[in-house]
Amino acid sequence: MVSHVFKDMSAKILEALNGAPKKYSGDEAKPLGLSIGISMYSSESGETIDHLLNRADEAMYNVKRQGKGRFSFADYDPA
């Protein structure tokens, strides 16, 4: 289970960055959106960095399908 601390930190990061991309989009009518995928690493898992990044990437795309401005934690699948 993901700790509430990590959820709180993720929400704060999203909140802090949410307004910043507007000035970088080049068009305030079309602001950039943020979607964050997070995967947790355990040194006991033997998971490779590639698998860790793939899980974070999958979590990010799941969030994008639900709407921007969110974050999601990846499920751990040792396969």
C-alpha atoms as a PDB file:
ATOM      1  CA  MET A   1       0.000   0.000   0.000  1.00  0.00           C
ATOM      2  CA  VAL A   2       1.298   3.427  -0.917  1.00  0.00           C
ATOM      3  CA  SER A   3       1.979   5.680   2.028  1.00  0.00           C
ATOM      4  CA  HIS A   4      -0.143   8.777   2.504  1.00  0.00           C
ATOM      5  CA  VAL A   5       3.118  10.727   2.671  1.00  0.00           C
ATOM      6  CA  PHE A   6       3.888   9.920  -0.980  1.00  0.00           C
ATOM      7  CA  LYS A   7       0.347  10.775  -2.037  1.00  0.00           C
ATOM      8  CA  ASP A   8       0.538  14.110  -0.211  1.00  0.00           C
ATOM      9  CA  MET A   9       3.934  14.908  -1.757  1.00  0.00           C
ATOM     10  CA  SER A  10       2.667  14.070  -5.235  1.00  0.00           C
ATOM     11  CA  ALA A  11      -0.391  16.267  -4.808  1.00  0.00           C
ATOM     12  CA  LYS A  12       1.785  19.158  -3.602  1.00  0.00           C
ATOM     13  CA  ILE A  13       4.152  18.796  -6.569  1.00  0.00           C
ATOM     14  CA  LEU A  14       1.225  18.801  -8.990  1.00  0.00           C
ATOM     15  CA  GLU A  15      -0.322  21.813  -7.287  1.00  0.00           C
ATOM     16  CA  ALA A  16       2.969  23.744  -7.323  1.00  0.00           C
ATOM     17  CA  LEU A  17       3.634  23.029 -11.000  1.00  0.00           C
ATOM     18  CA  ASN A  18       0.083  23.288 -12.276  1.00  0.00           C
ATOM     19  CA  GLY A  19       0.246  27.023 -13.064  1.00  0.00           C
ATOM     20  CA  ALA A  20       3.848  27.093 -14.274  1.00  0.00           C
ATOM     21  CA  PRO A  21       3.395  25.385 -17.662  1.00  0.00           C
ATOM     22  CA  LYS A  22       0.911  28.045 -18.841  1.00  0.00           C
ATOM     23  CA  LYS A  23       3.673  30.529 -19.481  1.00  0.00           C
ATOM     24  CA  TYR A  24       5.701  27.936 -21.406  1.00  0.00           C
ATOM     25  CA  SER A  25       2.966  26.678 -23.732  1.00  0.00           C
ATOM     26  CA  GLY A  26       3.229  29.617 -26.111  1.00  0.00           C
ATOM     27  CA  ASP A  27      -0.543  30.073 -26.026  1.00  0.00           C
ATOM     28  CA  GLU A  28      -2.371  30.839 -22.791  1.00  0.00           C
ATOM     29  CA  ALA A  29      -5.586  29.556 -24.381  1.00  0.00           C
ATOM     30  CA  LYS A  30      -3.904  26.151 -24.700  1.00  0.00           C
ATOM     31  CA  PRO A  31      -1.980  25.612 -21.458  1.00  0.00           C
ATOM     32  CA  LEU A  32       0.222  22.605 -20.989  1.00  0.00           C
ATOM     33  CA  GLY A  33      -1.153  19.892 -18.754  1.00  0.00           C
ATOM     34  CA  LEU A  34       0.713  17.724 -16.295  1.00  0.00           C
ATOM     35  CA  SER A  35       0.346  13.995 -15.876  1.00  0.00           C
ATOM     36  CA  ILE A  36       2.632  12.156 -13.482  1.00  0.00           C
ATOM     37  CA  GLY A  37       3.242   8.416 -13.250  1.00  0.00           C
ATOM     38  CA  ILE A  38       5.091   7.183 -10.170  1.00  0.00           C
ATOM     39  CA  SER A  39       6.614   3.772  -9.574  1.00  0.00           C
ATOM     40  CA  MET A  40       8.028   2.748  -6.233  1.00  0.00           C
ATOM     41  CA  TYR A  41      11.283   0.795  -6.053  1.00  0.00           C
ATOM     42  CA  SER A  42      12.183  -1.883  -3.546  1.00  0.00           C
ATOM     43  CA  SER A  43      15.785  -3.046  -3.389  1.00  0.00           C
ATOM     44  CA  GLU A  44      14.485  -6.486  -2.452  1.00  0.00           C
ATOM     45  CA  SER A  45      12.500  -6.829  -5.696  1.00  0.00           C
ATOM     46  CA  GLY A  46      15.395  -7.284  -8.095  1.00  0.00           C
ATOM     47  CA  GLU A  47      13.498  -5.051 -10.526  1.00  0.00           C
ATOM     48  CA  THR A  48      15.513  -3.476 -13.335  1.00  0.00           C
ATOM     49  CA  ILE A  49      15.535   0.258 -13.989  1.00  0.00           C
ATOM     50  CA  ASP A  50      13.888  -0.398 -17.366  1.00  0.00           C
ATOM     51  CA  HIS A  51      10.984  -2.201 -15.707  1.00  0.00           C
ATOM     52  CA  LEU A  52      10.682   0.545 -13.086  1.00  0.00           C
ATOM     53  CA  LEU A  53      10.534   3.245 -15.774  1.00  0.00           C
ATOM     54  CA  ASN A  54       8.079   1.237 -17.876  1.00  0.00           C
ATOM     55  CA  ARG A  55       5.741   0.974 -14.890  1.00  0.00           C
ATOM     56  CA  ALA A  56       5.947   4.738 -14.288  1.00  0.00           C
ATOM     57  CA  ASP A  57       5.305   5.374 -17.984  1.00  0.00           C
ATOM     58  CA  GLU A  58       2.261   3.087 -17.971  1.00  0.00           C
ATOM     59  CA  ALA A  59       0.883   4.862 -14.879  1.00  0.00           C
ATOM     60  CA  MET A  60       1.370   8.242 -16.604  1.00  0.00           C
ATOM     61  CA  TYR A  61      -0.533   7.149 -19.722  1.00  0.00           C
ATOM     62  CA  ASN A  62      -3.339   5.753 -17.563  1.00  0.00           C
ATOM     63  CA  VAL A  63      -3.633   9.189 -15.961  1.00  0.00           C
ATOM     64  CA  LYS A  64      -3.643  10.917 -19.357  1.00  0.00           C
ATOM     65  CA  ARG A  65      -6.614   8.779 -20.421  1.00  0.00           C
ATOM     66  CA  GLN A  66      -8.496   9.887 -17.291  1.00  0.00           C
ATOM     67  CA  GLY A  67      -7.711  13.578 -17.793  1.00  0.00           C
ATOM     68  CA  LYS A  68      -4.685  15.753 -17.246  1.00  0.00           C
ATOM     69  CA  GLY A  69      -3.590  17.338 -14.009  1.00  0.00           C
ATOM     70  CA  ARG A  70      -3.380  14.092 -12.064  1.00  0.00           C
ATOM     71  CA  PHE A  71      -0.909  11.565 -10.768  1.00  0.00           C
ATOM     72  CA  SER A  72      -1.007   7.798 -10.400  1.00  0.00           C
ATOM     73  CA  PHE A  73       1.088   5.188  -8.667  1.00  0.00           C
ATOM     74  CA  ALA A  74       2.037   2.149 -10.726  1.00  0.00           C
ATOM     75  CA  ASP A  75       1.084  -1.287  -9.529  1.00  0.00           C
ATOM     76  CA  TYR A  76       3.987  -3.633  -8.942  1.00  0.00           C
ATOM     77  CA  ASP A  77       4.048  -6.621 -11.237  1.00  0.00           C
ATOM     78  CA  PRO A  78       7.181  -8.727 -10.767  1.00  0.00           C
ATOM     79  CA  ALA A  79       6.663 -10.522 -14.105  1.00  0.00           C
END
